[in-house]
C-alpha atoms as a PDB file:
ATOM      1  CA  MET A   1      12.736  24.528  11.584  1.00  0.00           C
ATOM      2  CA  ALA A   2      12.823  21.377   9.436  1.00  0.00           C
ATOM      3  CA  SER A   3       9.639  20.452   7.650  1.00  0.00           C
ATOM      4  CA  LYS A   4       7.759  17.390   8.877  1.00  0.00           C
ATOM      5  CA  THR A   5       8.296  14.130   7.024  1.00  0.00           C
ATOM      6  CA  TYR A   6       5.602  11.513   6.710  1.00  0.00           C
ATOM      7  CA  LYS A   7       5.519   7.731   6.201  1.00  0.00           C
ATOM      8  CA  TYR A   8       2.013   7.494   4.832  1.00  0.00           C
ATOM      9  CA  PHE A   9       0.805   9.374   1.754  1.00  0.00           C
ATOM     10  CA  ILE A  10      -2.960   9.065   1.510  1.00  0.00           C
ATOM     11  CA  LEU A  11      -5.273  10.003  -1.349  1.00  0.00           C
ATOM     12  CA  THR A  12      -9.000  10.322  -0.788  1.00  0.00           C
ATOM     13  CA  GLY A  13     -11.861  11.660  -2.870  1.00  0.00           C
ATOM     14  CA  GLU A  14     -15.219  10.862  -4.377  1.00  0.00           C
ATOM     15  CA  PRO A  15     -15.595   7.622  -6.364  1.00  0.00           C
ATOM     16  CA  GLY A  16     -14.528   8.073  -9.987  1.00  0.00           C
ATOM     17  CA  VAL A  17     -12.609  11.302  -9.371  1.00  0.00           C
ATOM     18  CA  GLY A  18      -9.282   9.852 -10.532  1.00  0.00           C
ATOM     19  CA  LYS A  19      -7.511   8.490  -7.446  1.00  0.00           C
ATOM     20  CA  THR A  20      -6.362   5.323  -9.211  1.00  0.00           C
ATOM     21  CA  THR A  21      -5.227   7.229 -12.299  1.00  0.00           C
ATOM     22  CA  LEU A  22      -3.224   9.611 -10.101  1.00  0.00           C
ATOM     23  CA  THR A  23      -1.798   6.647  -8.162  1.00  0.00           C
ATOM     24  CA  LYS A  24      -0.603   5.038 -11.420  1.00  0.00           C
ATOM     25  CA  LYS A  25       1.037   8.321 -12.513  1.00  0.00           C
ATOM     26  CA  LEU A  26       2.769   8.676  -9.135  1.00  0.00           C
ATOM     27  CA  VAL A  27       4.039   5.087  -9.257  1.00  0.00           C
ATOM     28  CA  ALA A  28       5.388   5.551 -12.795  1.00  0.00           C
ATOM     29  CA  GLU A  29       7.266   8.692 -11.757  1.00  0.00           C
ATOM     30  CA  ILE A  30       8.668   7.136  -8.580  1.00  0.00           C
ATOM     31  CA  VAL A  31       9.753   3.947 -10.396  1.00  0.00           C
ATOM     32  CA  SER A  32      11.461   6.119 -13.051  1.00  0.00           C
ATOM     33  CA  LYS A  33      13.601   7.552 -10.230  1.00  0.00           C
ATOM     34  CA  GLY A  34      14.829   4.083  -9.293  1.00  0.00           C
ATOM     35  CA  ILE A  35      12.592   3.433  -6.282  1.00  0.00           C
ATOM     36  CA  LYS A  36      11.263  -0.106  -5.876  1.00  0.00           C
ATOM     37  CA  THR A  37       7.517  -0.492  -5.452  1.00  0.00           C
ATOM     38  CA  SER A  38       5.135  -3.285  -4.585  1.00  0.00           C
ATOM     39  CA  GLY A  39       1.433  -3.431  -3.915  1.00  0.00           C
ATOM     40  CA  PHE A  40      -1.706  -3.241  -6.009  1.00  0.00           C
ATOM     41  CA  TYR A  41      -4.364  -1.016  -7.448  1.00  0.00           C
ATOM     42  CA  THR A  42      -8.024  -1.602  -8.209  1.00  0.00           C
ATOM     43  CA  GLU A  43      -9.340  -1.047 -11.690  1.00  0.00           C
ATOM     44  CA  GLU A  44     -12.868  -0.730 -13.036  1.00  0.00           C
ATOM     45  CA  VAL A  45     -13.899  -3.440 -15.487  1.00  0.00           C
ATOM     46  CA  ARG A  46     -16.211  -2.129 -18.213  1.00  0.00           C
ATOM     47  CA  TYR A  47     -17.949  -3.707 -21.148  1.00  0.00           C
ATOM     48  CA  ASP A  48     -19.735  -1.447 -23.655  1.00  0.00           C
ATOM     49  CA  ARG A  49     -19.359   1.503 -21.242  1.00  0.00           C
ATOM     50  CA  THR A  50     -21.154  -0.428 -18.483  1.00  0.00           C
ATOM     51  CA  ARG A  51     -19.232  -1.140 -15.291  1.00  0.00           C
ATOM     52  CA  GLU A  52     -19.219  -4.867 -14.642  1.00  0.00           C
ATOM     53  CA  GLY A  53     -17.023  -4.789 -11.564  1.00  0.00           C
ATOM     54  CA  PHE A  54     -13.483  -4.297 -10.328  1.00  0.00           C
ATOM     55  CA  ASP A  55     -10.188  -6.132 -10.707  1.00  0.00           C
ATOM     56  CA  VAL A  56      -7.233  -6.146  -8.340  1.00  0.00           C
ATOM     57  CA  VAL A  57      -3.985  -5.639 -10.246  1.00  0.00           C
ATOM     58  CA  GLY A  58      -0.591  -6.214  -8.653  1.00  0.00           C
ATOM     59  CA  LEU A  59       2.219  -3.844  -9.591  1.00  0.00           C
ATOM     60  CA  ASP A  60       3.923  -6.994 -10.886  1.00  0.00           C
ATOM     61  CA  GLY A  61       1.103  -7.378 -13.439  1.00  0.00           C
ATOM     62  CA  ALA A  62      -0.826 -10.184 -11.705  1.00  0.00           C
ATOM     63  CA  ARG A  63      -4.573  -9.671 -12.056  1.00  0.00           C
ATOM     64  CA  GLY A  64      -7.658 -11.089 -10.369  1.00  0.00           C
ATOM     65  CA  ARG A  65     -11.298 -10.270  -9.787  1.00  0.00           C
ATOM     66  CA  LEU A  66     -12.201  -8.175  -6.767  1.00  0.00           C
ATOM     67  CA  ALA A  67     -15.919  -7.794  -7.473  1.00  0.00           C
ATOM     68  CA  ARG A  68     -18.452  -8.394 -10.233  1.00  0.00           C
ATOM     69  CA  ASP A  69     -22.030  -7.456 -10.900  1.00  0.00           C
ATOM     70  CA  GLN A  70     -23.890 -10.315  -9.226  1.00  0.00           C
ATOM     71  CA  SER A  71     -25.881 -10.949 -12.401  1.00  0.00           C
ATOM     72  CA  LEU A  72     -22.581 -11.980 -14.068  1.00  0.00           C
ATOM     73  CA  LEU A  73     -21.582 -14.463 -11.372  1.00  0.00           C
ATOM     74  CA  ASN A  74     -22.569 -18.112 -11.544  1.00  0.00           C
ATOM     75  CA  ILE A  75     -21.513 -18.746  -7.956  1.00  0.00           C
ATOM     76  CA  PRO A  76     -23.125 -17.485  -4.754  1.00  0.00           C
ATOM     77  CA  VAL A  77     -21.118 -14.822  -2.922  1.00  0.00           C
ATOM     78  CA  LYS A  78     -21.053 -14.194   0.796  1.00  0.00           C
ATOM     79  CA  TYR A  79     -20.184 -10.482   0.622  1.00  0.00           C
ATOM     80  CA  LYS A  80     -21.930  -7.796  -1.390  1.00  0.00           C
ATOM     81  CA  VAL A  81     -21.581  -4.051  -1.897  1.00  0.00           C
ATOM     82  CA  GLY A  82     -24.547  -2.684  -3.809  1.00  0.00           C
ATOM     83  CA  LYS A  83     -25.000  -4.786  -6.953  1.00  0.00           C
ATOM     84  CA  TYR A  84     -21.477  -6.229  -6.703  1.00  0.00           C
ATOM     85  CA  GLY A  85     -20.487  -9.576  -5.273  1.00  0.00           C
ATOM     86  CA  VAL A  86     -17.045  -9.404  -3.645  1.00  0.00           C
ATOM     87  CA  LEU A  87     -14.685 -12.266  -4.505  1.00  0.00           C
ATOM     88  CA  VAL A  88     -12.571 -12.278  -1.343  1.00  0.00           C
ATOM     89  CA  GLU A  89     -10.420 -15.332  -2.133  1.00  0.00           C
ATOM     90  CA  GLU A  90      -9.496 -14.061  -5.609  1.00  0.00           C
ATOM     91  CA  PHE A  91      -8.634 -10.657  -4.131  1.00  0.00           C
ATOM     92  CA  GLU A  92      -6.402 -12.247  -1.471  1.00  0.00           C
ATOM     93  CA  ILE A  93      -4.463 -14.306  -4.039  1.00  0.00           C
ATOM     94  CA  ILE A  94      -3.248 -11.088  -5.717  1.00  0.00           C
ATOM     95  CA  ALA A  95      -3.310  -8.517  -2.909  1.00  0.00           C
ATOM     96  CA  LEU A  96      -1.740 -10.310   0.059  1.00  0.00           C
ATOM     97  CA  PRO A  97       1.567 -11.359  -1.580  1.00  0.00           C
ATOM     98  CA  SER A  98       1.940  -7.826  -3.009  1.00  0.00           C
ATOM     99  CA  LEU A  99       2.058  -6.285   0.472  1.00  0.00           C
ATOM    100  CA  VAL A 100       5.401  -7.843   1.378  1.00  0.00           C
ATOM    101  CA  LYS A 101       8.320  -5.477   1.780  1.00  0.00           C
ATOM    102  CA  PRO A 102      11.601  -6.645   0.223  1.00  0.00           C
ATOM    103  CA  ASN A 103      14.172  -7.833   2.763  1.00  0.00           C
ATOM    104  CA  ASN A 104      16.906  -5.544   1.476  1.00  0.00           C
ATOM    105  CA  THR A 105      17.503  -2.016   2.699  1.00  0.00           C
ATOM    106  CA  GLN A 106      16.831  -0.402  -0.658  1.00  0.00           C
ATOM    107  CA  ALA A 107      14.258   2.402  -0.697  1.00  0.00           C
ATOM    108  CA  HIS A 108      10.759   1.014  -1.215  1.00  0.00           C
ATOM    109  CA  LEU A 109       7.216   2.344  -1.580  1.00  0.00           C
ATOM    110  CA  LEU A 110       4.202   0.169  -0.828  1.00  0.00           C
ATOM    111  CA  VAL A 111       1.159   1.049  -2.958  1.00  0.00           C
ATOM    112  CA  ILE A 112      -2.339   0.141  -1.720  1.00  0.00           C
ATOM    113  CA  ASP A 113      -5.218   1.267  -3.934  1.00  0.00           C
ATOM    114  CA  GLU A 114      -7.584   0.937  -2.210  1.00  0.00           C
ATOM    115  CA  ILE A 115      -8.221   0.414   1.477  1.00  0.00           C
ATOM    116  CA  GLY A 116     -12.004   0.246   1.457  1.00  0.00           C
ATOM    117  CA  LYS A 117     -15.193  -1.634   2.188  1.00  0.00           C
ATOM    118  CA  MET A 118     -14.802  -4.351  -0.458  1.00  0.00           C
ATOM    119  CA  GLU A 119     -11.195  -5.048   0.498  1.00  0.00           C
ATOM    120  CA  PHE A 120     -12.049  -5.174   4.210  1.00  0.00           C
ATOM    121  CA  PHE A 121     -14.265  -8.234   3.727  1.00  0.00           C
ATOM    122  CA  SER A 122     -10.879  -9.991   3.826  1.00  0.00           C
ATOM    123  CA  GLU A 123      -9.829 -10.374   7.464  1.00  0.00           C
ATOM    124  CA  LYS A 124      -6.309 -11.299   6.306  1.00  0.00           C
ATOM    125  CA  PHE A 125      -6.069  -8.025   4.368  1.00  0.00           C
ATOM    126  CA  LYS A 126      -7.457  -6.027   7.294  1.00  0.00           C
ATOM    127  CA  ASN A 127      -4.858  -7.619   9.608  1.00  0.00           C
ATOM    128  CA  ALA A 128      -2.081  -6.776   7.137  1.00  0.00           C
ATOM    129  CA  ILE A 129      -3.265  -3.142   7.033  1.00  0.00           C
ATOM    130  CA  GLN A 130      -3.182  -2.957  10.836  1.00  0.00           C
ATOM    131  CA  THR A 131       0.436  -4.152  10.771  1.00  0.00           C
ATOM    132  CA  ILE A 132       1.455  -1.808   7.944  1.00  0.00           C
ATOM    133  CA  PHE A 133       0.043   1.220   9.785  1.00  0.00           C
ATOM    134  CA  SER A 134       1.239   0.165  13.265  1.00  0.00           C
ATOM    135  CA  PRO A 135       3.702   2.281  15.287  1.00  0.00           C
ATOM    136  CA  SER A 136       6.531  -0.204  14.665  1.00  0.00           C
ATOM    137  CA  SER A 137       5.949  -0.332  10.905  1.00  0.00           C
ATOM    138  CA  GLU A 138       8.907   0.268   8.618  1.00  0.00           C
ATOM    139  CA  TYR A 139       6.747   0.762   5.519  1.00  0.00           C
ATOM    140  CA  THR A 140       6.479   3.905   3.454  1.00  0.00           C
ATOM    141  CA  VAL A 141       3.012   3.810   1.887  1.00  0.00           C
ATOM    142  CA  LEU A 142       1.023   5.466  -0.887  1.00  0.00           C
ATOM    143  CA  ALA A 143      -2.632   4.490  -0.386  1.00  0.00           C
ATOM    144  CA  THR A 144      -6.165   5.495  -1.277  1.00  0.00           C
ATOM    145  CA  ILE A 145      -9.102   5.512   1.130  1.00  0.00           C
ATOM    146  CA  PRO A 146     -12.799   6.411   0.751  1.00  0.00           C
ATOM    147  CA  ILE A 147     -13.763  10.017   1.397  1.00  0.00           C
ATOM    148  CA  ARG A 148     -16.732   9.076   3.551  1.00  0.00           C
ATOM    149  CA  LYS A 149     -16.165   8.203   7.177  1.00  0.00           C
ATOM    150  CA  SER A 150     -16.488   4.478   7.562  1.00  0.00           C
ATOM    151  CA  ASP A 151     -14.420   1.809   9.269  1.00  0.00           C
ATOM    152  CA  LYS A 152     -12.533   2.649  12.477  1.00  0.00           C
ATOM    153  CA  LEU A 153      -9.247   1.394  10.991  1.00  0.00           C
ATOM    154  CA  ILE A 154      -9.672   3.566   7.885  1.00  0.00           C
ATOM    155  CA  GLU A 155     -10.339   6.572  10.115  1.00  0.00           C
ATOM    156  CA  SER A 156      -7.188   5.808  12.117  1.00  0.00           C
ATOM    157  CA  ILE A 157      -5.229   5.902   8.843  1.00  0.00           C
ATOM    158  CA  ARG A 158      -6.860   9.190   7.810  1.00  0.00           C
ATOM    159  CA  ASN A 159      -5.939  10.729  11.183  1.00  0.00           C
ATOM    160  CA  HIS A 160      -2.538   9.045  11.658  1.00  0.00           C
ATOM    161  CA  SER A 161       0.119  11.451  12.939  1.00  0.00           C
ATOM    162  CA  GLN A 162       2.527  10.238  10.235  1.00  0.00           C
ATOM    163  CA  ALA A 163       0.011  10.534   7.386  1.00  0.00           C
ATOM    164  CA  LYS A 164      -0.301  13.342   4.869  1.00  0.00           C
ATOM    165  CA  VAL A 165      -3.746  13.292   3.235  1.00  0.00           C
ATOM    166  CA  TRP A 166      -4.785  14.843  -0.072  1.00  0.00           C
ATOM    167  CA  THR A 167      -8.387  15.124  -1.213  1.00  0.00           C
ATOM    168  CA  VAL A 168      -8.370  14.500  -4.956  1.00  0.00           C
ATOM    169  CA  THR A 169     -10.902  16.538  -6.940  1.00  0.00           C
ATOM    170  CA  ARG A 170     -11.596  17.039 -10.629  1.00  0.00           C
ATOM    171  CA  GLU A 171     -10.037  20.490 -10.234  1.00  0.00           C
ATOM    172  CA  ASN A 172      -6.734  19.402  -8.637  1.00  0.00           C
ATOM    173  CA  ARG A 173      -6.158  15.843  -9.875  1.00  0.00           C
ATOM    174  CA  ASN A 174      -3.850  16.982 -12.676  1.00  0.00           C
ATOM    175  CA  SER A 175      -1.947  19.527 -10.598  1.00  0.00           C
ATOM    176  CA  ILE A 176      -1.114  17.843  -7.254  1.00  0.00           C
ATOM    177  CA  GLN A 177       1.203  15.116  -8.552  1.00  0.00           C
ATOM    178  CA  GLU A 178       4.365  17.205  -8.128  1.00  0.00           C
ATOM    179  CA  GLU A 179       3.423  18.191  -4.565  1.00  0.00           C
ATOM    180  CA  ILE A 180       2.847  14.539  -3.617  1.00  0.00           C
ATOM    181  CA  VAL A 181       6.123  13.395  -5.231  1.00  0.00           C
ATOM    182  CA  ASN A 182       7.993  16.149  -3.359  1.00  0.00           C
ATOM    183  CA  GLU A 183       6.506  14.971  -0.044  1.00  0.00           C
ATOM    184  CA  ILE A 184       7.421  11.349  -0.769  1.00  0.00           C
ATOM    185  CA  ASN A 185      10.949  12.492  -1.734  1.00  0.00           C
ATOM    186  CA  LYS A 186      11.422  13.908   1.783  1.00  0.00           C
ATOM    187  CA  THR A 187      10.999  10.367   3.144  1.00  0.00           C
ATOM    188  CA  ILE A 188      12.486   8.274   0.322  1.00  0.00           C
ATOM    189  CA  ARG A 189      15.353  10.233  -1.169  1.00  0.00           C
ATOM    190  CA  PHE A 190      15.496   9.925  -4.949  1.00  0.00           C
END
């Protein structure tokens, strides 16, 4: 019996466990095998070991602010998560164009780090995620989601029949990369 292949490769885990670091390592390995990638990751912004917020960074190198400690913002923000004000428009400028799949037939991996509460303040982003994870989608995706149950759409991704989910922990974060690459290789031959 042939092993099941998946379209969606999902990482979850506690905040700060290393999901983004693992995502970056996976992308570097996949790109080194000649596979095209697009998408974005989120990165902590720290100053003197204090977290000031998060940036959204496109795989093409474009960078913008996703969220900042409200005490550092000189503009009012509509959306907040804890002490952070979410900068939806700045996020959309980087994130939305990065979600476009190339028109050619070359193998491609879409990277979305992360699909979470801050990002979902953008209705445009949420709509794009619904399309990407729809039954007619032609995307192959590597994404991260929060470990805690939250939004209905995030839960539908976690439980999608074509999704393989890994829970990243401090114990396994340095040892599961090969397993994930092997699973992706079943879908995108490299």
